PDB file of N, CA and C in Angstrom:
ATOM      1  N   MET A   1      -6.725  37.646   8.012  1.00  0.00           N
ATOM      2  CA  MET A   1      -5.688  37.002   8.761  1.00  0.00           C
ATOM      3  C   MET A   1      -6.115  35.569   9.070  1.00  0.00           C
ATOM      4  N   ALA A   2      -5.214  34.653   8.888  1.00  0.00           N
ATOM      5  CA  ALA A   2      -5.504  33.239   9.114  1.00  0.00           C
ATOM      6  C   ALA A   2      -5.629  32.945  10.606  1.00  0.00           C
ATOM      7  N   LYS A   3      -6.480  31.969  10.909  1.00  0.00           N
ATOM      8  CA  LYS A   3      -6.670  31.565  12.297  1.00  0.00           C
ATOM      9  C   LYS A   3      -5.442  30.791  12.771  1.00  0.00           C
ATOM     10  N   LYS A   4      -4.938  31.157  13.930  1.00  0.00           N
ATOM     11  CA  LYS A   4      -3.778  30.469  14.476  1.00  0.00           C
ATOM     12  C   LYS A   4      -4.235  29.196  15.188  1.00  0.00           C
ATOM     13  N   THR A   5      -3.548  28.114  14.900  1.00  0.00           N
ATOM     14  CA  THR A   5      -3.850  26.849  15.545  1.00  0.00           C
ATOM     15  C   THR A   5      -2.575  26.286  16.175  1.00  0.00           C
ATOM     16  N   VAL A   6      -2.777  25.510  17.193  1.00  0.00           N
ATOM     17  CA  VAL A   6      -1.656  24.851  17.856  1.00  0.00           C
ATOM     18  C   VAL A   6      -1.421  23.534  17.135  1.00  0.00           C
ATOM     19  N   SER A   7      -0.213  23.337  16.616  1.00  0.00           N
ATOM     20  CA  SER A   7       0.070  22.100  15.893  1.00  0.00           C
ATOM     21  C   SER A   7       0.721  21.048  16.769  1.00  0.00           C
ATOM     22  N   GLY A   8       1.252  21.423  17.901  1.00  0.00           N
ATOM     23  CA  GLY A   8       1.837  20.431  18.785  1.00  0.00           C
ATOM     24  C   GLY A   8       2.457  21.046  20.019  1.00  0.00           C
ATOM     25  N   ILE A   9       2.385  20.298  21.098  1.00  0.00           N
ATOM     26  CA  ILE A   9       2.991  20.707  22.363  1.00  0.00           C
ATOM     27  C   ILE A   9       3.656  19.464  22.955  1.00  0.00           C
ATOM     28  N   VAL A  10       4.826  19.647  23.534  1.00  0.00           N
ATOM     29  CA  VAL A  10       5.539  18.552  24.178  1.00  0.00           C
ATOM     30  C   VAL A  10       5.725  18.902  25.644  1.00  0.00           C
ATOM     31  N   GLY A  11       5.507  17.928  26.497  1.00  0.00           N
ATOM     32  CA  GLY A  11       5.734  18.118  27.923  1.00  0.00           C
ATOM     33  C   GLY A  11       6.496  16.938  28.488  1.00  0.00           C
ATOM     34  N   PHE A  12       7.352  17.208  29.423  1.00  0.00           N
ATOM     35  CA  PHE A  12       8.125  16.166  30.080  1.00  0.00           C
ATOM     36  C   PHE A  12       7.717  16.120  31.550  1.00  0.00           C
ATOM     37  N   PHE A  13       7.433  14.922  32.036  1.00  0.00           N
ATOM     38  CA  PHE A  13       6.994  14.747  33.412  1.00  0.00           C
ATOM     39  C   PHE A  13       7.909  13.743  34.095  1.00  0.00           C
ATOM     40  N   LYS A  14       8.294  14.030  35.311  1.00  0.00           N
ATOM     41  CA  LYS A  14       9.149  13.112  36.069  1.00  0.00           C
ATOM     42  C   LYS A  14       8.334  12.122  36.886  1.00  0.00           C
ATOM     43  N   ASP A  15       7.036  12.357  37.008  1.00  0.00           N
ATOM     44  CA  ASP A  15       6.174  11.517  37.828  1.00  0.00           C
ATOM     45  C   ASP A  15       5.005  11.035  36.972  1.00  0.00           C
ATOM     46  N   ASP A  16       4.670   9.769  37.062  1.00  0.00           N
ATOM     47  CA  ASP A  16       3.572   9.246  36.259  1.00  0.00           C
ATOM     48  C   ASP A  16       2.216   9.779  36.716  1.00  0.00           C
ATOM     49  N   ASP A  17       2.069  10.122  37.986  1.00  0.00           N
ATOM     50  CA  ASP A  17       0.812  10.711  38.462  1.00  0.00           C
ATOM     51  C   ASP A  17       0.593  12.099  37.857  1.00  0.00           C
ATOM     52  N   ALA A  18       1.667  12.850  37.687  1.00  0.00           N
ATOM     53  CA  ALA A  18       1.549  14.171  37.063  1.00  0.00           C
ATOM     54  C   ALA A  18       1.149  14.042  35.595  1.00  0.00           C
ATOM     55  N   LEU A  19       1.688  13.047  34.908  1.00  0.00           N
ATOM     56  CA  LEU A  19       1.312  12.819  33.510  1.00  0.00           C
ATOM     57  C   LEU A  19      -0.147  12.407  33.406  1.00  0.00           C
ATOM     58  N   LEU A  20      -0.607  11.559  34.314  1.00  0.00           N
ATOM     59  CA  LEU A  20      -2.007  11.134  34.319  1.00  0.00           C
ATOM     60  C   LEU A  20      -2.937  12.320  34.566  1.00  0.00           C
ATOM     61  N   ALA A  21      -2.581  13.179  35.508  1.00  0.00           N
ATOM     62  CA  ALA A  21      -3.389  14.368  35.782  1.00  0.00           C
ATOM     63  C   ALA A  21      -3.394  15.310  34.577  1.00  0.00           C
ATOM     64  N   ALA A  22      -2.248  15.448  33.906  1.00  0.00           N
ATOM     65  CA  ALA A  22      -2.179  16.308  32.727  1.00  0.00           C
ATOM     66  C   ALA A  22      -3.019  15.744  31.588  1.00  0.00           C
ATOM     67  N   ALA A  23      -3.041  14.437  31.443  1.00  0.00           N
ATOM     68  CA  ALA A  23      -3.861  13.816  30.398  1.00  0.00           C
ATOM     69  C   ALA A  23      -5.349  14.034  30.674  1.00  0.00           C
ATOM     70  N   LYS A  24      -5.745  13.933  31.944  1.00  0.00           N
ATOM     71  CA  LYS A  24      -7.146  14.185  32.300  1.00  0.00           C
ATOM     72  C   LYS A  24      -7.529  15.634  32.014  1.00  0.00           C
ATOM     73  N   LYS A  25      -6.644  16.576  32.346  1.00  0.00           N
ATOM     74  CA  LYS A  25      -6.927  17.996  32.092  1.00  0.00           C
ATOM     75  C   LYS A  25      -6.952  18.294  30.597  1.00  0.00           C
ATOM     76  N   THR A  26      -6.084  17.646  29.848  1.00  0.00           N
ATOM     77  CA  THR A  26      -6.053  17.850  28.401  1.00  0.00           C
ATOM     78  C   THR A  26      -7.348  17.362  27.770  1.00  0.00           C
ATOM     79  N   TYR A  27      -7.815  16.197  28.192  1.00  0.00           N
ATOM     80  CA  TYR A  27      -9.073  15.664  27.660  1.00  0.00           C
ATOM     81  C   TYR A  27     -10.247  16.529  28.081  1.00  0.00           C
ATOM     82  N   ALA A  28     -10.233  17.014  29.322  1.00  0.00           N
ATOM     83  CA  ALA A  28     -11.314  17.877  29.809  1.00  0.00           C
ATOM     84  C   ALA A  28     -11.329  19.215  29.081  1.00  0.00           C
ATOM     85  N   ALA A  29     -10.165  19.660  28.587  1.00  0.00           N
ATOM     86  CA  ALA A  29     -10.089  20.930  27.858  1.00  0.00           C
ATOM     87  C   ALA A  29     -10.626  20.806  26.431  1.00  0.00           C
ATOM     88  N   GLY A  30     -10.944  19.584  26.005  1.00  0.00           N
ATOM     89  CA  GLY A  30     -11.542  19.402  24.693  1.00  0.00           C
ATOM     90  C   GLY A  30     -10.612  18.818  23.640  1.00  0.00           C
ATOM     91  N   TYR A  31      -9.388  18.578  23.984  1.00  0.00           N
ATOM     92  CA  TYR A  31      -8.457  17.967  23.024  1.00  0.00           C
ATOM     93  C   TYR A  31      -8.706  16.469  22.965  1.00  0.00           C
ATOM     94  N   ARG A  32      -8.846  15.945  21.744  1.00  0.00           N
ATOM     95  CA  ARG A  32      -9.121  14.518  21.575  1.00  0.00           C
ATOM     96  C   ARG A  32      -7.996  13.784  20.846  1.00  0.00           C
ATOM     97  N   ASN A  33      -7.178  14.499  20.130  1.00  0.00           N
ATOM     98  CA  ASN A  33      -6.127  13.879  19.340  1.00  0.00           C
ATOM     99  C   ASN A  33      -4.770  14.153  19.996  1.00  0.00           C
ATOM    100  N   PHE A  34      -4.474  13.418  21.063  1.00  0.00           N
ATOM    101  CA  PHE A  34      -3.189  13.569  21.733  1.00  0.00           C
ATOM    102  C   PHE A  34      -2.713  12.190  22.173  1.00  0.00           C
ATOM    103  N   ASP A  35      -1.446  12.101  22.469  1.00  0.00           N
ATOM    104  CA  ASP A  35      -0.852  10.826  22.833  1.00  0.00           C
ATOM    105  C   ASP A  35       0.123  11.022  23.988  1.00  0.00           C
ATOM    106  N   THR A  36       0.339   9.967  24.725  1.00  0.00           N
ATOM    107  CA  THR A  36       1.337   9.970  25.783  1.00  0.00           C
ATOM    108  C   THR A  36       2.335   8.854  25.490  1.00  0.00           C
ATOM    109  N   LEU A  37       3.567   9.081  25.861  1.00  0.00           N
ATOM    110  CA  LEU A  37       4.623   8.121  25.592  1.00  0.00           C
ATOM    111  C   LEU A  37       5.380   7.851  26.884  1.00  0.00           C
ATOM    112  N   THR A  38       5.300   6.611  27.367  1.00  0.00           N
ATOM    113  CA  THR A  38       5.963   6.241  28.606  1.00  0.00           C
ATOM    114  C   THR A  38       6.692   4.913  28.405  1.00  0.00           C
ATOM    115  N   PRO A  39       7.733   4.653  29.181  1.00  0.00           N
ATOM    116  CA  PRO A  39       8.442   3.379  29.057  1.00  0.00           C
ATOM    117  C   PRO A  39       7.728   2.219  29.762  1.00  0.00           C
ATOM    118  N   PHE A  40       6.627   2.517  30.433  1.00  0.00           N
ATOM    119  CA  PHE A  40       5.860   1.496  31.140  1.00  0.00           C
ATOM    120  C   PHE A  40       4.392   1.901  31.102  1.00  0.00           C
ATOM    121  N   PRO A  41       3.463   0.937  31.171  1.00  0.00           N
ATOM    122  CA  PRO A  41       2.047   1.278  31.153  1.00  0.00           C
ATOM    123  C   PRO A  41       1.616   1.986  32.442  1.00  0.00           C
ATOM    124  N   ILE A  42       0.738   2.947  32.300  1.00  0.00           N
ATOM    125  CA  ILE A  42       0.201   3.682  33.448  1.00  0.00           C
ATOM    126  C   ILE A  42      -1.265   3.313  33.592  1.00  0.00           C
ATOM    127  N   HIS A  43      -1.611   2.776  34.757  1.00  0.00           N
ATOM    128  CA  HIS A  43      -2.987   2.364  35.015  1.00  0.00           C
ATOM    129  C   HIS A  43      -3.913   3.577  34.988  1.00  0.00           C
ATOM    130  N   GLY A  44      -4.968   3.496  34.182  1.00  0.00           N
ATOM    131  CA  GLY A  44      -5.951   4.569  34.092  1.00  0.00           C
ATOM    132  C   GLY A  44      -5.688   5.552  32.970  1.00  0.00           C
ATOM    133  N   MET A  45      -4.593   5.387  32.221  1.00  0.00           N
ATOM    134  CA  MET A  45      -4.272   6.336  31.155  1.00  0.00           C
ATOM    135  C   MET A  45      -5.281   6.252  30.006  1.00  0.00           C
ATOM    136  N   ASP A  46      -5.737   5.049  29.681  1.00  0.00           N
ATOM    137  CA  ASP A  46      -6.713   4.913  28.598  1.00  0.00           C
ATOM    138  C   ASP A  46      -8.001   5.668  28.921  1.00  0.00           C
ATOM    139  N   ALA A  47      -8.468   5.549  30.141  1.00  0.00           N
ATOM    140  CA  ALA A  47      -9.683   6.267  30.544  1.00  0.00           C
ATOM    141  C   ALA A  47      -9.441   7.772  30.576  1.00  0.00           C
ATOM    142  N   ALA A  48      -8.254   8.172  31.010  1.00  0.00           N
ATOM    143  CA  ALA A  48      -7.938   9.601  31.070  1.00  0.00           C
ATOM    144  C   ALA A  48      -7.873  10.213  29.677  1.00  0.00           C
ATOM    145  N   MET A  49      -7.457   9.431  28.688  1.00  0.00           N
ATOM    146  CA  MET A  49      -7.368   9.923  27.315  1.00  0.00           C
ATOM    147  C   MET A  49      -8.664   9.728  26.547  1.00  0.00           C
ATOM    148  N   GLY A  50      -9.635   9.034  27.149  1.00  0.00           N
ATOM    149  CA  GLY A  50     -10.915   8.810  26.482  1.00  0.00           C
ATOM    150  C   GLY A  50     -10.848   7.769  25.378  1.00  0.00           C
ATOM    151  N   LEU A  51      -9.942   6.814  25.510  1.00  0.00           N
ATOM    152  CA  LEU A  51      -9.797   5.777  24.488  1.00  0.00           C
ATOM    153  C   LEU A  51     -10.816   4.674  24.705  1.00  0.00           C
ATOM    154  N   LYS A  52     -11.305   4.118  23.605  1.00  0.00           N
ATOM    155  CA  LYS A  52     -12.247   3.006  23.666  1.00  0.00           C
ATOM    156  C   LYS A  52     -11.472   1.708  23.872  1.00  0.00           C
ATOM    157  N   PRO A  53     -12.126   0.678  24.406  1.00  0.00           N
ATOM    158  CA  PRO A  53     -11.445  -0.612  24.561  1.00  0.00           C
ATOM    159  C   PRO A  53     -11.021  -1.176  23.198  1.00  0.00           C
ATOM    160  N   SER A  54      -9.906  -1.861  23.186  1.00  0.00           N
ATOM    161  CA  SER A  54      -9.344  -2.395  21.953  1.00  0.00           C
ATOM    162  C   SER A  54      -9.951  -3.754  21.626  1.00  0.00           C
ATOM    163  N   PHE A  55      -9.993  -4.096  20.348  1.00  0.00           N
ATOM    164  CA  PHE A  55     -10.468  -5.393  19.902  1.00  0.00           C
ATOM    165  C   PHE A  55      -9.333  -6.425  19.879  1.00  0.00           C
ATOM    166  N   ILE A  56      -8.111  -6.012  20.137  1.00  0.00           N
ATOM    167  CA  ILE A  56      -6.954  -6.896  20.012  1.00  0.00           C
ATOM    168  C   ILE A  56      -7.039  -8.115  20.940  1.00  0.00           C
ATOM    169  N   PRO A  57      -7.467  -8.003  22.218  1.00  0.00           N
ATOM    170  CA  PRO A  57      -7.565  -9.215  23.038  1.00  0.00           C
ATOM    171  C   PRO A  57      -8.533 -10.248  22.472  1.00  0.00           C
ATOM    172  N   TRP A  58      -9.674  -9.798  21.950  1.00  0.00           N
ATOM    173  CA  TRP A  58     -10.630 -10.735  21.360  1.00  0.00           C
ATOM    174  C   TRP A  58     -10.065 -11.368  20.087  1.00  0.00           C
ATOM    175  N   PHE A  59      -9.408 -10.576  19.268  1.00  0.00           N
ATOM    176  CA  PHE A  59      -8.804 -11.102  18.045  1.00  0.00           C
ATOM    177  C   PHE A  59      -7.737 -12.139  18.376  1.00  0.00           C
ATOM    178  N   THR A  60      -6.930 -11.858  19.381  1.00  0.00           N
ATOM    179  CA  THR A  60      -5.880 -12.786  19.793  1.00  0.00           C
ATOM    180  C   THR A  60      -6.473 -14.087  20.334  1.00  0.00           C
ATOM    181  N   PHE A  61      -7.514 -13.983  21.147  1.00  0.00           N
ATOM    182  CA  PHE A  61      -8.155 -15.169  21.706  1.00  0.00           C
ATOM    183  C   PHE A  61      -8.768 -16.037  20.613  1.00  0.00           C
ATOM    184  N   ILE A  62      -9.499 -15.418  19.692  1.00  0.00           N
ATOM    185  CA  ILE A  62     -10.136 -16.177  18.611  1.00  0.00           C
ATOM    186  C   ILE A  62      -9.085 -16.786  17.688  1.00  0.00           C
ATOM    187  N   SER A  63      -8.026 -16.048  17.397  1.00  0.00           N
ATOM    188  CA  SER A  63      -6.946 -16.592  16.565  1.00  0.00           C
ATOM    189  C   SER A  63      -6.259 -17.762  17.263  1.00  0.00           C
ATOM    190  N   GLY A  64      -6.086 -17.675  18.569  1.00  0.00           N
ATOM    191  CA  GLY A  64      -5.503 -18.787  19.323  1.00  0.00           C
ATOM    192  C   GLY A  64      -6.377 -20.027  19.287  1.00  0.00           C
ATOM    193  N   LEU A  65      -7.701 -19.827  19.413  1.00  0.00           N
ATOM    194  CA  LEU A  65      -8.613 -20.977  19.320  1.00  0.00           C
ATOM    195  C   LEU A  65      -8.563 -21.612  17.942  1.00  0.00           C
ATOM    196  N   ILE A  66      -8.526 -20.787  16.900  1.00  0.00           N
ATOM    197  CA  ILE A  66      -8.444 -21.315  15.537  1.00  0.00           C
ATOM    198  C   ILE A  66      -7.125 -22.066  15.335  1.00  0.00           C
ATOM    199  N   GLY A  67      -6.031 -21.508  15.810  1.00  0.00           N
ATOM    200  CA  GLY A  67      -4.743 -22.177  15.690  1.00  0.00           C
ATOM    201  C   GLY A  67      -4.701 -23.494  16.449  1.00  0.00           C
ATOM    202  N   CYS A  68      -5.276 -23.509  17.653  1.00  0.00           N
ATOM    203  CA  CYS A  68      -5.322 -24.733  18.444  1.00  0.00           C
ATOM    204  C   CYS A  68      -6.163 -25.798  17.743  1.00  0.00           C
ATOM    205  N   ALA A  69      -7.319 -25.408  17.217  1.00  0.00           N
ATOM    206  CA  ALA A  69      -8.185 -26.354  16.500  1.00  0.00           C
ATOM    207  C   ALA A  69      -7.489 -26.880  15.244  1.00  0.00           C
ATOM    208  N   PHE A  70      -6.802 -26.012  14.520  1.00  0.00           N
ATOM    209  CA  PHE A  70      -6.089 -26.435  13.313  1.00  0.00           C
ATOM    210  C   PHE A  70      -4.957 -27.401  13.675  1.00  0.00           C
ATOM    211  N   GLY A  71      -4.196 -27.105  14.718  1.00  0.00           N
ATOM    212  CA  GLY A  71      -3.103 -27.988  15.129  1.00  0.00           C
ATOM    213  C   GLY A  71      -3.606 -29.342  15.602  1.00  0.00           C
ATOM    214  N   LEU A  72      -4.670 -29.344  16.395  1.00  0.00           N
ATOM    215  CA  LEU A  72      -5.242 -30.597  16.870  1.00  0.00           C
ATOM    216  C   LEU A  72      -5.840 -31.394  15.717  1.00  0.00           C
ATOM    217  N   GLY A  73      -6.512 -30.705  14.794  1.00  0.00           N
ATOM    218  CA  GLY A  73      -7.071 -31.378  13.620  1.00  0.00           C
ATOM    219  C   GLY A  73      -5.987 -31.965  12.726  1.00  0.00           C
ATOM    220  N   MET A  74      -4.875 -31.263  12.601  1.00  0.00           N
ATOM    221  CA  MET A  74      -3.774 -31.770  11.790  1.00  0.00           C
ATOM    222  C   MET A  74      -3.149 -33.008  12.441  1.00  0.00           C
ATOM    223  N   GLN A  75      -3.033 -33.000  13.767  1.00  0.00           N
ATOM    224  CA  GLN A  75      -2.514 -34.177  14.452  1.00  0.00           C
ATOM    225  C   GLN A  75      -3.467 -35.353  14.308  1.00  0.00           C
ATOM    226  N   TRP A  76      -4.768 -35.105  14.444  1.00  0.00           N
ATOM    227  CA  TRP A  76      -5.744 -36.181  14.278  1.00  0.00           C
ATOM    228  C   TRP A  76      -5.665 -36.753  12.872  1.00  0.00           C
ATOM    229  N   TRP A  77      -5.640 -35.884  11.865  1.00  0.00           N
ATOM    230  CA  TRP A  77      -5.609 -36.353  10.483  1.00  0.00           C
ATOM    231  C   TRP A  77      -4.330 -37.145  10.208  1.00  0.00           C
ATOM    232  N   THR A  78      -3.203 -36.649  10.698  1.00  0.00           N
ATOM    233  CA  THR A  78      -1.932 -37.327  10.455  1.00  0.00           C
ATOM    234  C   THR A  78      -1.898 -38.700  11.127  1.00  0.00           C
ATOM    235  N   HIS A  79      -2.348 -38.794  12.384  1.00  0.00           N
ATOM    236  CA  HIS A  79      -2.232 -40.034  13.143  1.00  0.00           C
ATOM    237  C   HIS A  79      -3.353 -41.018  12.852  1.00  0.00           C
ATOM    238  N   SER A  80      -4.526 -40.565  12.441  1.00  0.00           N
ATOM    239  CA  SER A  80      -5.664 -41.464  12.266  1.00  0.00           C
ATOM    240  C   SER A  80      -5.994 -41.751  10.814  1.00  0.00           C
ATOM    241  N   VAL A  81      -5.709 -40.842   9.918  1.00  0.00           N
ATOM    242  CA  VAL A  81      -6.141 -40.996   8.529  1.00  0.00           C
ATOM    243  C   VAL A  81      -4.949 -41.203   7.601  1.00  0.00           C
ATOM    244  N   SER A  82      -4.045 -40.278   7.597  1.00  0.00           N
ATOM    245  CA  SER A  82      -2.966 -40.275   6.614  1.00  0.00           C
ATOM    246  C   SER A  82      -1.878 -41.304   6.921  1.00  0.00           C
ATOM    247  N   TRP A  83      -1.459 -41.409   8.170  1.00  0.00           N
ATOM    248  CA  TRP A  83      -0.324 -42.253   8.520  1.00  0.00           C
ATOM    249  C   TRP A  83      -0.670 -43.052   9.775  1.00  0.00           C
ATOM    250  N   ALA A  84      -1.747 -43.821   9.695  1.00  0.00           N
ATOM    251  CA  ALA A  84      -2.239 -44.564  10.856  1.00  0.00           C
ATOM    252  C   ALA A  84      -1.340 -45.757  11.138  1.00  0.00           C
ATOM    253  N   LEU A  85      -0.732 -45.760  12.317  1.00  0.00           N
ATOM    254  CA  LEU A  85       0.109 -46.862  12.759  1.00  0.00           C
ATOM    255  C   LEU A  85      -0.418 -47.367  14.098  1.00  0.00           C
ATOM    256  N   ASN A  86      -0.707 -48.649  14.148  1.00  0.00           N
ATOM    257  CA  ASN A  86      -1.165 -49.256  15.387  1.00  0.00           C
ATOM    258  C   ASN A  86       0.068 -49.757  16.124  1.00  0.00           C
ATOM    259  N   ILE A  87       0.456 -49.044  17.153  1.00  0.00           N
ATOM    260  CA  ILE A  87       1.661 -49.380  17.900  1.00  0.00           C
ATOM    261  C   ILE A  87       1.251 -49.828  19.292  1.00  0.00           C
ATOM    262  N   GLY A  88       1.409 -51.106  19.566  1.00  0.00           N
ATOM    263  CA  GLY A  88       1.145 -51.646  20.904  1.00  0.00           C
ATOM    264  C   GLY A  88      -0.328 -51.603  21.286  1.00  0.00           C
ATOM    265  N   GLY A  89      -1.247 -51.553  20.349  1.00  0.00           N
ATOM    266  CA  GLY A  89      -2.658 -51.542  20.656  1.00  0.00           C
ATOM    267  C   GLY A  89      -3.185 -50.230  21.186  1.00  0.00           C
ATOM    268  N   LYS A  90      -2.399 -49.196  21.101  1.00  0.00           N
ATOM    269  CA  LYS A  90      -2.831 -47.875  21.574  1.00  0.00           C
ATOM    270  C   LYS A  90      -3.827 -47.283  20.586  1.00  0.00           C
ATOM    271  N   PRO A  91      -4.718 -46.402  21.058  1.00  0.00           N
ATOM    272  CA  PRO A  91      -5.658 -45.761  20.132  1.00  0.00           C
ATOM    273  C   PRO A  91      -4.907 -44.897  19.111  1.00  0.00           C
ATOM    274  N   LEU A  92      -5.512 -44.759  17.942  1.00  0.00           N
ATOM    275  CA  LEU A  92      -4.876 -43.969  16.885  1.00  0.00           C
ATOM    276  C   LEU A  92      -4.793 -42.500  17.255  1.00  0.00           C
ATOM    277  N   PHE A  93      -5.753 -42.022  18.003  1.00  0.00           N
ATOM    278  CA  PHE A  93      -5.732 -40.608  18.395  1.00  0.00           C
ATOM    279  C   PHE A  93      -6.189 -40.509  19.844  1.00  0.00           C
ATOM    280  N   SER A  94      -5.285 -40.099  20.697  1.00  0.00           N
ATOM    281  CA  SER A  94      -5.645 -39.880  22.091  1.00  0.00           C
ATOM    282  C   SER A  94      -4.892 -38.666  22.608  1.00  0.00           C
ATOM    283  N   LEU A  95      -5.557 -37.878  23.394  1.00  0.00           N
ATOM    284  CA  LEU A  95      -4.906 -36.684  23.918  1.00  0.00           C
ATOM    285  C   LEU A  95      -3.981 -37.062  25.052  1.00  0.00           C
TER     286      LEU A  95
END
């Protein structure tokens, strides 16, 4: 006889504290592959589910720095090298 396994369970909660408590109990029971779906973020849900911190904030920050450097470099190149116009004695590149 084949071993019976649970393939999925759905629960509906009217209170976010009840969902958080259920997530903590689910993780404590040994389940690692589960998800919660809410229309708003619940503080502490990541810790209750045992999720690791995401790399997305660091990726976003580094991408923003690269984009800022590229935009500033493009402005410098355009105003100082490619299309340098001396207008009223102002510097070619000033922030």
